[in-house]
Amino acid sequence: MSSEISIDSSLFLPKVDSFMSRRNSYAKQQREVSRLTIEYAQEWLDSRADDKGGPKPETQRTARLEMSSYVKKRLDLSNVKRSYFVPVFIWQWLASKVIAYIVKLIIEHYWSDLVKEWRIDI
């Protein structure tokens, strides 16, 4: 079973491009990380829909933390074989900021839908 929510990247990518325009370094890699972050965020939503008995995040904060953790594990920023790999500490910091920003946008935008889908009492 997959989530009833389908992330519309056209809602988020313009905001992400604006966010990234302040940081001109590694633009190509940032775009690739943005695209993959949205893809993995959808995977996370789908996997949470499949967890029938598992506890669902009850706050936006816990949902953001869980989604960010899932995305970062899937991206593996230190893997030299990935197209977005840049062998510097600052890149990993920058990529984590991009991931956190995208996850924040997604959770804030879809939170009311997630509450309904997950049947959370707020």
PDB file of N, CA and C in Angstrom:
ATOM      1  N   MET A   1       0.842  -1.177   0.000  1.00  0.00           N
ATOM      2  CA  MET A   1       0.000   0.000   0.000  1.00  0.00           C
ATOM      3  C   MET A   1       0.885   1.237   0.000  1.00  0.00           C
ATOM      4  N   SER A   2       0.498   2.217  -0.730  1.00  0.00           N
ATOM      5  CA  SER A   2       1.269   3.456  -0.722  1.00  0.00           C
ATOM      6  C   SER A   2       0.424   4.568  -0.112  1.00  0.00           C
ATOM      7  N   SER A   3       1.083   5.629   0.198  1.00  0.00           N
ATOM      8  CA  SER A   3       0.437   6.770   0.830  1.00  0.00           C
ATOM      9  C   SER A   3      -0.585   7.386  -0.118  1.00  0.00           C
ATOM     10  N   GLU A   4      -1.614   7.962   0.472  1.00  0.00           N
ATOM     11  CA  GLU A   4      -2.597   8.703  -0.327  1.00  0.00           C
ATOM     12  C   GLU A   4      -2.001  10.018  -0.814  1.00  0.00           C
ATOM     13  N   ILE A   5      -0.906  10.421  -0.208  1.00  0.00           N
ATOM     14  CA  ILE A   5      -0.249  11.679  -0.540  1.00  0.00           C
ATOM     15  C   ILE A   5       0.819  11.422  -1.598  1.00  0.00           C
ATOM     16  N   SER A   6       0.755  12.213  -2.646  1.00  0.00           N
ATOM     17  CA  SER A   6       1.773  12.160  -3.691  1.00  0.00           C
ATOM     18  C   SER A   6       2.453  13.526  -3.718  1.00  0.00           C
ATOM     19  N   ILE A   7       3.728  13.547  -3.430  1.00  0.00           N
ATOM     20  CA  ILE A   7       4.457  14.816  -3.342  1.00  0.00           C
ATOM     21  C   ILE A   7       4.569  15.429  -4.735  1.00  0.00           C
ATOM     22  N   ASP A   8       4.111  16.653  -4.853  1.00  0.00           N
ATOM     23  CA  ASP A   8       4.162  17.400  -6.108  1.00  0.00           C
ATOM     24  C   ASP A   8       5.444  18.236  -6.113  1.00  0.00           C
ATOM     25  N   SER A   9       6.444  17.767  -6.820  1.00  0.00           N
ATOM     26  CA  SER A   9       7.743  18.449  -6.801  1.00  0.00           C
ATOM     27  C   SER A   9       7.657  19.867  -7.369  1.00  0.00           C
ATOM     28  N   SER A  10       6.671  20.140  -8.213  1.00  0.00           N
ATOM     29  CA  SER A  10       6.547  21.488  -8.777  1.00  0.00           C
ATOM     30  C   SER A  10       6.184  22.528  -7.713  1.00  0.00           C
ATOM     31  N   LEU A  11       5.662  22.076  -6.575  1.00  0.00           N
ATOM     32  CA  LEU A  11       5.384  22.999  -5.476  1.00  0.00           C
ATOM     33  C   LEU A  11       6.658  23.373  -4.728  1.00  0.00           C
ATOM     34  N   PHE A  12       7.612  22.461  -4.681  1.00  0.00           N
ATOM     35  CA  PHE A  12       8.773  22.635  -3.826  1.00  0.00           C
ATOM     36  C   PHE A  12      10.045  23.040  -4.554  1.00  0.00           C
ATOM     37  N   LEU A  13      10.246  22.555  -5.771  1.00  0.00           N
ATOM     38  CA  LEU A  13      11.504  22.839  -6.461  1.00  0.00           C
ATOM     39  C   LEU A  13      11.748  24.329  -6.715  1.00  0.00           C
ATOM     40  N   PRO A  14      10.727  25.142  -7.056  1.00  0.00           N
ATOM     41  CA  PRO A  14      11.000  26.586  -7.185  1.00  0.00           C
ATOM     42  C   PRO A  14      11.467  27.210  -5.865  1.00  0.00           C
ATOM     43  N   LYS A  15      10.879  26.796  -4.744  1.00  0.00           N
ATOM     44  CA  LYS A  15      11.303  27.314  -3.438  1.00  0.00           C
ATOM     45  C   LYS A  15      12.730  26.855  -3.129  1.00  0.00           C
ATOM     46  N   VAL A  16      13.024  25.625  -3.481  1.00  0.00           N
ATOM     47  CA  VAL A  16      14.360  25.092  -3.242  1.00  0.00           C
ATOM     48  C   VAL A  16      15.381  25.822  -4.109  1.00  0.00           C
ATOM     49  N   ASP A  17      15.035  26.076  -5.371  1.00  0.00           N
ATOM     50  CA  ASP A  17      15.948  26.823  -6.250  1.00  0.00           C
ATOM     51  C   ASP A  17      16.232  28.209  -5.676  1.00  0.00           C
ATOM     52  N   SER A  18      15.200  28.851  -5.143  1.00  0.00           N
ATOM     53  CA  SER A  18      15.367  30.164  -4.515  1.00  0.00           C
ATOM     54  C   SER A  18      16.265  30.054  -3.285  1.00  0.00           C
ATOM     55  N   PHE A  19      16.045  29.030  -2.491  1.00  0.00           N
ATOM     56  CA  PHE A  19      16.848  28.790  -1.290  1.00  0.00           C
ATOM     57  C   PHE A  19      18.308  28.542  -1.664  1.00  0.00           C
ATOM     58  N   MET A  20      18.528  27.775  -2.716  1.00  0.00           N
ATOM     59  CA  MET A  20      19.882  27.417  -3.133  1.00  0.00           C
ATOM     60  C   MET A  20      20.581  28.550  -3.879  1.00  0.00           C
ATOM     61  N   SER A  21      19.833  29.482  -4.436  1.00  0.00           N
ATOM     62  CA  SER A  21      20.466  30.550  -5.212  1.00  0.00           C
ATOM     63  C   SER A  21      21.364  31.423  -4.336  1.00  0.00           C
ATOM     64  N   ARG A  22      21.127  31.401  -3.033  1.00  0.00           N
ATOM     65  CA  ARG A  22      21.988  32.147  -2.115  1.00  0.00           C
ATOM     66  C   ARG A  22      23.335  31.466  -1.956  1.00  0.00           C
ATOM     67  N   ARG A  23      23.381  30.193  -2.320  1.00  0.00           N
ATOM     68  CA  ARG A  23      24.619  29.401  -2.201  1.00  0.00           C
ATOM     69  C   ARG A  23      24.970  28.871  -3.587  1.00  0.00           C
ATOM     70  N   ASN A  24      25.840  29.543  -4.265  1.00  0.00           N
ATOM     71  CA  ASN A  24      26.165  29.171  -5.640  1.00  0.00           C
ATOM     72  C   ASN A  24      27.073  27.955  -5.739  1.00  0.00           C
ATOM     73  N   SER A  25      27.684  27.557  -4.663  1.00  0.00           N
ATOM     74  CA  SER A  25      28.606  26.422  -4.703  1.00  0.00           C
ATOM     75  C   SER A  25      27.864  25.111  -4.928  1.00  0.00           C
ATOM     76  N   TYR A  26      28.410  24.293  -5.776  1.00  0.00           N
ATOM     77  CA  TYR A  26      27.893  22.945  -6.002  1.00  0.00           C
ATOM     78  C   TYR A  26      26.426  22.933  -6.469  1.00  0.00           C
ATOM     79  N   ALA A  27      26.072  23.825  -7.361  1.00  0.00           N
ATOM     80  CA  ALA A  27      24.681  23.954  -7.813  1.00  0.00           C
ATOM     81  C   ALA A  27      24.160  22.658  -8.432  1.00  0.00           C
ATOM     82  N   LYS A  28      24.950  22.023  -9.276  1.00  0.00           N
ATOM     83  CA  LYS A  28      24.514  20.783  -9.930  1.00  0.00           C
ATOM     84  C   LYS A  28      24.248  19.691  -8.901  1.00  0.00           C
ATOM     85  N   GLN A  29      25.136  19.556  -7.936  1.00  0.00           N
ATOM     86  CA  GLN A  29      24.977  18.535  -6.903  1.00  0.00           C
ATOM     87  C   GLN A  29      23.768  18.846  -6.012  1.00  0.00           C
ATOM     88  N   GLN A  30      23.554  20.130  -5.723  1.00  0.00           N
ATOM     89  CA  GLN A  30      22.401  20.500  -4.907  1.00  0.00           C
ATOM     90  C   GLN A  30      21.087  20.152  -5.612  1.00  0.00           C
ATOM     91  N   ARG A  31      21.030  20.375  -6.919  1.00  0.00           N
ATOM     92  CA  ARG A  31      19.814  20.029  -7.670  1.00  0.00           C
ATOM     93  C   ARG A  31      19.563  18.522  -7.632  1.00  0.00           C
ATOM     94  N   GLU A  32      20.630  17.745  -7.790  1.00  0.00           N
ATOM     95  CA  GLU A  32      20.495  16.288  -7.751  1.00  0.00           C
ATOM     96  C   GLU A  32      20.037  15.826  -6.366  1.00  0.00           C
ATOM     97  N   VAL A  33      20.612  16.397  -5.327  1.00  0.00           N
ATOM     98  CA  VAL A  33      20.198  16.055  -3.959  1.00  0.00           C
ATOM     99  C   VAL A  33      18.745  16.459  -3.729  1.00  0.00           C
ATOM    100  N   SER A  34      18.327  17.601  -4.254  1.00  0.00           N
ATOM    101  CA  SER A  34      16.939  18.049  -4.106  1.00  0.00           C
ATOM    102  C   SER A  34      15.973  17.061  -4.752  1.00  0.00           C
ATOM    103  N   ARG A  35      16.297  16.658  -5.975  1.00  0.00           N
ATOM    104  CA  ARG A  35      15.434  15.715  -6.690  1.00  0.00           C
ATOM    105  C   ARG A  35      15.336  14.395  -5.929  1.00  0.00           C
ATOM    106  N   LEU A  36      16.469  13.885  -5.476  1.00  0.00           N
ATOM    107  CA  LEU A  36      16.474  12.620  -4.746  1.00  0.00           C
ATOM    108  C   LEU A  36      15.804  12.743  -3.378  1.00  0.00           C
ATOM    109  N   THR A  37      15.940  13.888  -2.735  1.00  0.00           N
ATOM    110  CA  THR A  37      15.285  14.101  -1.439  1.00  0.00           C
ATOM    111  C   THR A  37      13.776  13.979  -1.583  1.00  0.00           C
ATOM    112  N   ILE A  38      13.232  14.580  -2.613  1.00  0.00           N
ATOM    113  CA  ILE A  38      11.785  14.488  -2.838  1.00  0.00           C
ATOM    114  C   ILE A  38      11.388  13.047  -3.147  1.00  0.00           C
ATOM    115  N   GLU A  39      12.180  12.366  -3.939  1.00  0.00           N
ATOM    116  CA  GLU A  39      11.905  10.960  -4.261  1.00  0.00           C
ATOM    117  C   GLU A  39      11.921  10.102  -2.991  1.00  0.00           C
ATOM    118  N   TYR A  40      12.950  10.267  -2.162  1.00  0.00           N
ATOM    119  CA  TYR A  40      13.062   9.469  -0.937  1.00  0.00           C
ATOM    120  C   TYR A  40      12.022   9.878   0.104  1.00  0.00           C
ATOM    121  N   ALA A  41      11.618  11.142   0.108  1.00  0.00           N
ATOM    122  CA  ALA A  41      10.549  11.577   1.015  1.00  0.00           C
ATOM    123  C   ALA A  41       9.243  10.861   0.650  1.00  0.00           C
ATOM    124  N   GLN A  42       8.989  10.711  -0.643  1.00  0.00           N
ATOM    125  CA  GLN A  42       7.797   9.968  -1.073  1.00  0.00           C
ATOM    126  C   GLN A  42       7.900   8.507  -0.650  1.00  0.00           C
ATOM    127  N   GLU A  43       9.089   7.922  -0.791  1.00  0.00           N
ATOM    128  CA  GLU A  43       9.306   6.542  -0.325  1.00  0.00           C
ATOM    129  C   GLU A  43       8.991   6.423   1.163  1.00  0.00           C
ATOM    130  N   TRP A  44       9.440   7.404   1.942  1.00  0.00           N
ATOM    131  CA  TRP A  44       9.194   7.383   3.381  1.00  0.00           C
ATOM    132  C   TRP A  44       7.703   7.444   3.670  1.00  0.00           C
ATOM    133  N   LEU A  45       6.993   8.346   2.976  1.00  0.00           N
ATOM    134  CA  LEU A  45       5.539   8.441   3.170  1.00  0.00           C
ATOM    135  C   LEU A  45       4.864   7.111   2.836  1.00  0.00           C
ATOM    136  N   ASP A  46       5.277   6.496   1.745  1.00  0.00           N
ATOM    137  CA  ASP A  46       4.703   5.214   1.340  1.00  0.00           C
ATOM    138  C   ASP A  46       5.012   4.123   2.370  1.00  0.00           C
ATOM    139  N   SER A  47       6.240   4.124   2.887  1.00  0.00           N
ATOM    140  CA  SER A  47       6.603   3.106   3.878  1.00  0.00           C
ATOM    141  C   SER A  47       5.842   3.315   5.181  1.00  0.00           C
ATOM    142  N   ARG A  48       5.573   4.560   5.540  1.00  0.00           N
ATOM    143  CA  ARG A  48       4.803   4.844   6.759  1.00  0.00           C
ATOM    144  C   ARG A  48       3.346   4.415   6.570  1.00  0.00           C
ATOM    145  N   ALA A  49       2.833   4.504   5.355  1.00  0.00           N
ATOM    146  CA  ALA A  49       1.462   4.062   5.087  1.00  0.00           C
ATOM    147  C   ALA A  49       1.360   2.548   5.222  1.00  0.00           C
ATOM    148  N   ASP A  50       2.454   1.843   4.901  1.00  0.00           N
ATOM    149  CA  ASP A  50       2.472   0.382   4.987  1.00  0.00           C
ATOM    150  C   ASP A  50       2.624  -0.122   6.416  1.00  0.00           C
ATOM    151  N   ASP A  51       3.142   0.697   7.312  1.00  0.00           N
ATOM    152  CA  ASP A  51       3.325   0.313   8.715  1.00  0.00           C
ATOM    153  C   ASP A  51       1.979   0.322   9.438  1.00  0.00           C
ATOM    154  N   LYS A  52       1.227  -0.723   9.302  1.00  0.00           N
ATOM    155  CA  LYS A  52      -0.105  -0.770   9.905  1.00  0.00           C
ATOM    156  C   LYS A  52      -0.058  -0.566  11.415  1.00  0.00           C
ATOM    157  N   GLY A  53       0.770  -1.345  12.108  1.00  0.00           N
ATOM    158  CA  GLY A  53       0.761  -1.290  13.559  1.00  0.00           C
ATOM    159  C   GLY A  53       1.829  -0.399  14.164  1.00  0.00           C
ATOM    160  N   GLY A  54       2.726   0.103  13.337  1.00  0.00           N
ATOM    161  CA  GLY A  54       3.828   0.900  13.862  1.00  0.00           C
ATOM    162  C   GLY A  54       3.370   2.275  14.328  1.00  0.00           C
ATOM    163  N   PRO A  55       4.082   2.826  15.298  1.00  0.00           N
ATOM    164  CA  PRO A  55       3.705   4.159  15.774  1.00  0.00           C
ATOM    165  C   PRO A  55       3.995   5.216  14.708  1.00  0.00           C
ATOM    166  N   LYS A  56       3.072   6.108  14.536  1.00  0.00           N
ATOM    167  CA  LYS A  56       3.225   7.189  13.572  1.00  0.00           C
ATOM    168  C   LYS A  56       3.729   8.430  14.308  1.00  0.00           C
ATOM    169  N   PRO A  57       4.480   9.280  13.627  1.00  0.00           N
ATOM    170  CA  PRO A  57       4.899  10.531  14.269  1.00  0.00           C
ATOM    171  C   PRO A  57       3.664  11.341  14.663  1.00  0.00           C
ATOM    172  N   GLU A  58       3.695  11.900  15.844  1.00  0.00           N
ATOM    173  CA  GLU A  58       2.522  12.638  16.318  1.00  0.00           C
ATOM    174  C   GLU A  58       2.690  14.149  16.233  1.00  0.00           C
ATOM    175  N   THR A  59       3.889  14.597  15.875  1.00  0.00           N
ATOM    176  CA  THR A  59       4.119  16.033  15.723  1.00  0.00           C
ATOM    177  C   THR A  59       4.880  16.266  14.427  1.00  0.00           C
ATOM    178  N   GLN A  60       4.811  17.502  13.951  1.00  0.00           N
ATOM    179  CA  GLN A  60       5.568  17.851  12.751  1.00  0.00           C
ATOM    180  C   GLN A  60       7.061  17.662  12.995  1.00  0.00           C
ATOM    181  N   ARG A  61       7.507  17.987  14.185  1.00  0.00           N
ATOM    182  CA  ARG A  61       8.933  17.864  14.508  1.00  0.00           C
ATOM    183  C   ARG A  61       9.390  16.414  14.390  1.00  0.00           C
ATOM    184  N   THR A  62       8.658  15.480  14.984  1.00  0.00           N
ATOM    185  CA  THR A  62       9.081  14.077  14.915  1.00  0.00           C
ATOM    186  C   THR A  62       8.975  13.549  13.485  1.00  0.00           C
ATOM    187  N   ALA A  63       7.979  14.005  12.748  1.00  0.00           N
ATOM    188  CA  ALA A  63       7.859  13.595  11.341  1.00  0.00           C
ATOM    189  C   ALA A  63       9.045  14.108  10.534  1.00  0.00           C
ATOM    190  N   ARG A  64       9.446  15.373  10.763  1.00  0.00           N
ATOM    191  CA  ARG A  64      10.608  15.932  10.059  1.00  0.00           C
ATOM    192  C   ARG A  64      11.874  15.162  10.400  1.00  0.00           C
ATOM    193  N   LEU A  65      12.058  14.854  11.682  1.00  0.00           N
ATOM    194  CA  LEU A  65      13.257  14.125  12.104  1.00  0.00           C
ATOM    195  C   LEU A  65      13.307  12.732  11.472  1.00  0.00           C
ATOM    196  N   GLU A  66      12.181  12.030  11.480  1.00  0.00           N
ATOM    197  CA  GLU A  66      12.143  10.687  10.895  1.00  0.00           C
ATOM    198  C   GLU A  66      12.383  10.727   9.394  1.00  0.00           C
ATOM    199  N   MET A  67      11.719  11.678   8.706  1.00  0.00           N
ATOM    200  CA  MET A  67      11.877  11.771   7.261  1.00  0.00           C
ATOM    201  C   MET A  67      13.308  12.168   6.908  1.00  0.00           C
ATOM    202  N   SER A  68      13.874  13.134   7.618  1.00  0.00           N
ATOM    203  CA  SER A  68      15.249  13.564   7.353  1.00  0.00           C
ATOM    204  C   SER A  68      16.223  12.416   7.550  1.00  0.00           C
ATOM    205  N   SER A  69      16.049  11.670   8.617  1.00  0.00           N
ATOM    206  CA  SER A  69      16.924  10.531   8.891  1.00  0.00           C
ATOM    207  C   SER A  69      16.833   9.504   7.768  1.00  0.00           C
ATOM    208  N   TYR A  70      15.622   9.207   7.321  1.00  0.00           N
ATOM    209  CA  TYR A  70      15.417   8.247   6.232  1.00  0.00           C
ATOM    210  C   TYR A  70      16.109   8.733   4.959  1.00  0.00           C
ATOM    211  N   VAL A  71      15.897   9.993   4.614  1.00  0.00           N
ATOM    212  CA  VAL A  71      16.474  10.549   3.385  1.00  0.00           C
ATOM    213  C   VAL A  71      18.002  10.524   3.453  1.00  0.00           C
ATOM    214  N   LYS A  72      18.572  10.946   4.578  1.00  0.00           N
ATOM    215  CA  LYS A  72      20.034  10.990   4.700  1.00  0.00           C
ATOM    216  C   LYS A  72      20.642   9.598   4.608  1.00  0.00           C
ATOM    217  N   LYS A  73      19.978   8.597   5.179  1.00  0.00           N
ATOM    218  CA  LYS A  73      20.488   7.230   5.075  1.00  0.00           C
ATOM    219  C   LYS A  73      20.453   6.745   3.628  1.00  0.00           C
ATOM    220  N   ARG A  74      19.387   7.081   2.923  1.00  0.00           N
ATOM    221  CA  ARG A  74      19.258   6.640   1.532  1.00  0.00           C
ATOM    222  C   ARG A  74      20.237   7.372   0.606  1.00  0.00           C
ATOM    223  N   LEU A  75      20.505   8.642   0.881  1.00  0.00           N
ATOM    224  CA  LEU A  75      21.399   9.409   0.014  1.00  0.00           C
ATOM    225  C   LEU A  75      22.860   8.991   0.156  1.00  0.00           C
ATOM    226  N   ASP A  76      23.290   8.694   1.338  1.00  0.00           N
ATOM    227  CA  ASP A  76      24.679   8.294   1.592  1.00  0.00           C
ATOM    228  C   ASP A  76      25.635   9.317   0.971  1.00  0.00           C
ATOM    229  N   LEU A  77      25.705  10.476   1.586  1.00  0.00           N
ATOM    230  CA  LEU A  77      26.481  11.594   1.051  1.00  0.00           C
ATOM    231  C   LEU A  77      27.980  11.326   0.956  1.00  0.00           C
ATOM    232  N   SER A  78      28.473  10.311   1.632  1.00  0.00           N
ATOM    233  CA  SER A  78      29.905  10.035   1.590  1.00  0.00           C
ATOM    234  C   SER A  78      30.294   8.998   0.530  1.00  0.00           C
ATOM    235  N   ASN A  79      29.334   8.497  -0.217  1.00  0.00           N
ATOM    236  CA  ASN A  79      29.603   7.485  -1.240  1.00  0.00           C
ATOM    237  C   ASN A  79      30.222   8.139  -2.474  1.00  0.00           C
ATOM    238  N   VAL A  80      31.474   7.799  -2.773  1.00  0.00           N
ATOM    239  CA  VAL A  80      32.188   8.426  -3.889  1.00  0.00           C
ATOM    240  C   VAL A  80      31.619   8.051  -5.256  1.00  0.00           C
ATOM    241  N   LYS A  81      30.787   7.035  -5.325  1.00  0.00           N
ATOM    242  CA  LYS A  81      30.225   6.604  -6.611  1.00  0.00           C
ATOM    243  C   LYS A  81      28.955   7.376  -6.982  1.00  0.00           C
ATOM    244  N   ARG A  82      28.448   8.170  -6.078  1.00  0.00           N
ATOM    245  CA  ARG A  82      27.233   8.951  -6.360  1.00  0.00           C
ATOM    246  C   ARG A  82      27.571  10.182  -7.188  1.00  0.00           C
ATOM    247  N   SER A  83      26.625  10.581  -8.054  1.00  0.00           N
ATOM    248  CA  SER A  83      26.880  11.719  -8.944  1.00  0.00           C
ATOM    249  C   SER A  83      26.975  13.037  -8.182  1.00  0.00           C
ATOM    250  N   TYR A  84      26.414  13.087  -6.989  1.00  0.00           N
ATOM    251  CA  TYR A  84      26.415  14.328  -6.225  1.00  0.00           C
ATOM    252  C   TYR A  84      27.551  14.394  -5.205  1.00  0.00           C
ATOM    253  N   PHE A  85      28.437  13.412  -5.217  1.00  0.00           N
ATOM    254  CA  PHE A  85      29.519  13.387  -4.234  1.00  0.00           C
ATOM    255  C   PHE A  85      30.534  14.494  -4.489  1.00  0.00           C
ATOM    256  N   VAL A  86      30.867  15.200  -3.443  1.00  0.00           N
ATOM    257  CA  VAL A  86      31.941  16.186  -3.458  1.00  0.00           C
ATOM    258  C   VAL A  86      32.745  15.921  -2.187  1.00  0.00           C
ATOM    259  N   PRO A  87      34.040  15.657  -2.291  1.00  0.00           N
ATOM    260  CA  PRO A  87      34.807  15.208  -1.126  1.00  0.00           C
ATOM    261  C   PRO A  87      35.246  16.321  -0.172  1.00  0.00           C
ATOM    262  N   VAL A  88      34.284  17.054   0.352  1.00  0.00           N
ATOM    263  CA  VAL A  88      34.612  18.088   1.330  1.00  0.00           C
ATOM    264  C   VAL A  88      33.553  18.121   2.418  1.00  0.00           C
ATOM    265  N   PHE A  89      33.989  18.463   3.612  1.00  0.00           N
ATOM    266  CA  PHE A  89      33.080  18.551   4.748  1.00  0.00           C
ATOM    267  C   PHE A  89      31.970  19.569   4.497  1.00  0.00           C
ATOM    268  N   ILE A  90      32.324  20.686   3.906  1.00  0.00           N
ATOM    269  CA  ILE A  90      31.331  21.754   3.702  1.00  0.00           C
ATOM    270  C   ILE A  90      30.198  21.287   2.801  1.00  0.00           C
ATOM    271  N   TRP A  91      30.504  20.420   1.820  1.00  0.00           N
ATOM    272  CA  TRP A  91      29.447  19.913   0.949  1.00  0.00           C
ATOM    273  C   TRP A  91      28.439  19.089   1.739  1.00  0.00           C
ATOM    274  N   GLN A  92      28.924  18.235   2.620  1.00  0.00           N
ATOM    275  CA  GLN A  92      28.006  17.414   3.400  1.00  0.00           C
ATOM    276  C   GLN A  92      27.141  18.288   4.301  1.00  0.00           C
ATOM    277  N   TRP A  93      27.708  19.334   4.840  1.00  0.00           N
ATOM    278  CA  TRP A  93      26.934  20.274   5.653  1.00  0.00           C
ATOM    279  C   TRP A  93      25.879  20.969   4.782  1.00  0.00           C
ATOM    280  N   LEU A  94      26.291  21.437   3.618  1.00  0.00           N
ATOM    281  CA  LEU A  94      25.380  22.130   2.708  1.00  0.00           C
ATOM    282  C   LEU A  94      24.245  21.202   2.250  1.00  0.00           C
ATOM    283  N   ALA A  95      24.578  19.973   1.891  1.00  0.00           N
ATOM    284  CA  ALA A  95      23.558  19.017   1.456  1.00  0.00           C
ATOM    285  C   ALA A  95      22.575  18.738   2.585  1.00  0.00           C
ATOM    286  N   SER A  96      23.050  18.643   3.818  1.00  0.00           N
ATOM    287  CA  SER A  96      22.134  18.386   4.933  1.00  0.00           C
ATOM    288  C   SER A  96      21.195  19.562   5.142  1.00  0.00           C
ATOM    289  N   LYS A  97      21.662  20.782   4.878  1.00  0.00           N
ATOM    290  CA  LYS A  97      20.784  21.962   4.977  1.00  0.00           C
ATOM    291  C   LYS A  97      19.698  21.919   3.898  1.00  0.00           C
ATOM    292  N   VAL A  98      20.071  21.532   2.689  1.00  0.00           N
ATOM    293  CA  VAL A  98      19.099  21.418   1.590  1.00  0.00           C
ATOM    294  C   VAL A  98      18.055  20.354   1.936  1.00  0.00           C
ATOM    295  N   ILE A  99      18.517  19.207   2.435  1.00  0.00           N
ATOM    296  CA  ILE A  99      17.595  18.130   2.814  1.00  0.00           C
ATOM    297  C   ILE A  99      16.639  18.606   3.899  1.00  0.00           C
ATOM    298  N   ALA A 100      17.174  19.238   4.925  1.00  0.00           N
ATOM    299  CA  ALA A 100      16.333  19.720   6.032  1.00  0.00           C
ATOM    300  C   ALA A 100      15.298  20.723   5.538  1.00  0.00           C
ATOM    301  N   TYR A 101      15.689  21.604   4.628  1.00  0.00           N
ATOM    302  CA  TYR A 101      14.761  22.599   4.108  1.00  0.00           C
ATOM    303  C   TYR A 101      13.633  21.944   3.302  1.00  0.00           C
ATOM    304  N   ILE A 102      13.969  21.006   2.454  1.00  0.00           N
ATOM    305  CA  ILE A 102      12.959  20.331   1.636  1.00  0.00           C
ATOM    306  C   ILE A 102      12.007  19.535   2.517  1.00  0.00           C
ATOM    307  N   VAL A 103      12.546  18.800   3.480  1.00  0.00           N
ATOM    308  CA  VAL A 103      11.710  18.005   4.385  1.00  0.00           C
ATOM    309  C   VAL A 103      10.775  18.921   5.162  1.00  0.00           C
ATOM    310  N   LYS A 104      11.278  20.047   5.627  1.00  0.00           N
ATOM    311  CA  LYS A 104      10.440  21.012   6.351  1.00  0.00           C
ATOM    312  C   LYS A 104       9.273  21.474   5.472  1.00  0.00           C
ATOM    313  N   LEU A 105       9.566  21.832   4.233  1.00  0.00           N
ATOM    314  CA  LEU A 105       8.507  22.271   3.314  1.00  0.00           C
ATOM    315  C   LEU A 105       7.465  21.175   3.099  1.00  0.00           C
ATOM    316  N   ILE A 106       7.917  19.958   2.897  1.00  0.00           N
ATOM    317  CA  ILE A 106       7.002  18.844   2.632  1.00  0.00           C
ATOM    318  C   ILE A 106       6.116  18.576   3.829  1.00  0.00           C
ATOM    319  N   ILE A 107       6.706  18.461   5.024  1.00  0.00           N
ATOM    320  CA  ILE A 107       5.916  18.156   6.223  1.00  0.00           C
ATOM    321  C   ILE A 107       4.926  19.276   6.514  1.00  0.00           C
ATOM    322  N   GLU A 108       5.363  20.528   6.424  1.00  0.00           N
ATOM    323  CA  GLU A 108       4.445  21.637   6.680  1.00  0.00           C
ATOM    324  C   GLU A 108       3.292  21.656   5.684  1.00  0.00           C
ATOM    325  N   HIS A 109       3.598  21.385   4.430  1.00  0.00           N
ATOM    326  CA  HIS A 109       2.554  21.435   3.398  1.00  0.00           C
ATOM    327  C   HIS A 109       1.540  20.298   3.540  1.00  0.00           C
ATOM    328  N   TYR A 110       2.007  19.106   3.847  1.00  0.00           N
ATOM    329  CA  TYR A 110       1.133  17.929   3.873  1.00  0.00           C
ATOM    330  C   TYR A 110       0.715  17.501   5.277  1.00  0.00           C
ATOM    331  N   TRP A 111       1.030  18.274   6.318  1.00  0.00           N
ATOM    332  CA  TRP A 111       0.770  17.833   7.686  1.00  0.00           C
ATOM    333  C   TRP A 111      -0.706  17.510   7.927  1.00  0.00           C
ATOM    334  N   SER A 112      -1.610  18.352   7.489  1.00  0.00           N
ATOM    335  CA  SER A 112      -3.042  18.088   7.738  1.00  0.00           C
ATOM    336  C   SER A 112      -3.481  16.798   7.046  1.00  0.00           C
ATOM    337  N   ASP A 113      -2.944  16.519   5.867  1.00  0.00           N
ATOM    338  CA  ASP A 113      -3.260  15.273   5.171  1.00  0.00           C
ATOM    339  C   ASP A 113      -2.664  14.069   5.898  1.00  0.00           C
ATOM    340  N   LEU A 114      -1.450  14.240   6.430  1.00  0.00           N
ATOM    341  CA  LEU A 114      -0.813  13.155   7.179  1.00  0.00           C
ATOM    342  C   LEU A 114      -1.590  12.840   8.454  1.00  0.00           C
ATOM    343  N   VAL A 115      -2.069  13.864   9.120  1.00  0.00           N
ATOM    344  CA  VAL A 115      -2.854  13.664  10.343  1.00  0.00           C
ATOM    345  C   VAL A 115      -4.090  12.823  10.024  1.00  0.00           C
ATOM    346  N   LYS A 116      -4.745  13.126   8.913  1.00  0.00           N
ATOM    347  CA  LYS A 116      -5.934  12.345   8.519  1.00  0.00           C
ATOM    348  C   LYS A 116      -5.552  10.916   8.134  1.00  0.00           C
ATOM    349  N   GLU A 117      -4.514  10.777   7.325  1.00  0.00           N
ATOM    350  CA  GLU A 117      -4.115   9.448   6.854  1.00  0.00           C
ATOM    351  C   GLU A 117      -3.646   8.562   7.996  1.00  0.00           C
ATOM    352  N   TRP A 118      -2.902   9.125   8.916  1.00  0.00           N
ATOM    353  CA  TRP A 118      -2.361   8.350  10.019  1.00  0.00           C
ATOM    354  C   TRP A 118      -3.305   8.282  11.228  1.00  0.00           C
ATOM    355  N   ARG A 119      -4.430   8.995  11.131  1.00  0.00           N
ATOM    356  CA  ARG A 119      -5.426   9.025  12.213  1.00  0.00           C
ATOM    357  C   ARG A 119      -4.803   9.423  13.542  1.00  0.00           C
ATOM    358  N   ILE A 120      -4.128  10.546  13.529  1.00  0.00           N
ATOM    359  CA  ILE A 120      -3.465  11.062  14.728  1.00  0.00           C
ATOM    360  C   ILE A 120      -4.438  11.966  15.480  1.00  0.00           C
ATOM    361  N   ASP A 121      -4.515  11.779  16.776  1.00  0.00           N
ATOM    362  CA  ASP A 121      -5.320  12.665  17.624  1.00  0.00           C
ATOM    363  C   ASP A 121      -4.483  13.851  18.020  1.00  0.00           C
ATOM    364  N   ILE A 122      -4.908  15.022  17.591  1.00  0.00           N
ATOM    365  CA  ILE A 122      -4.169  16.242  17.956  1.00  0.00           C
ATOM    366  C   ILE A 122      -5.041  17.095  18.839  1.00  0.00           C
TER     367      ILE A 122
END
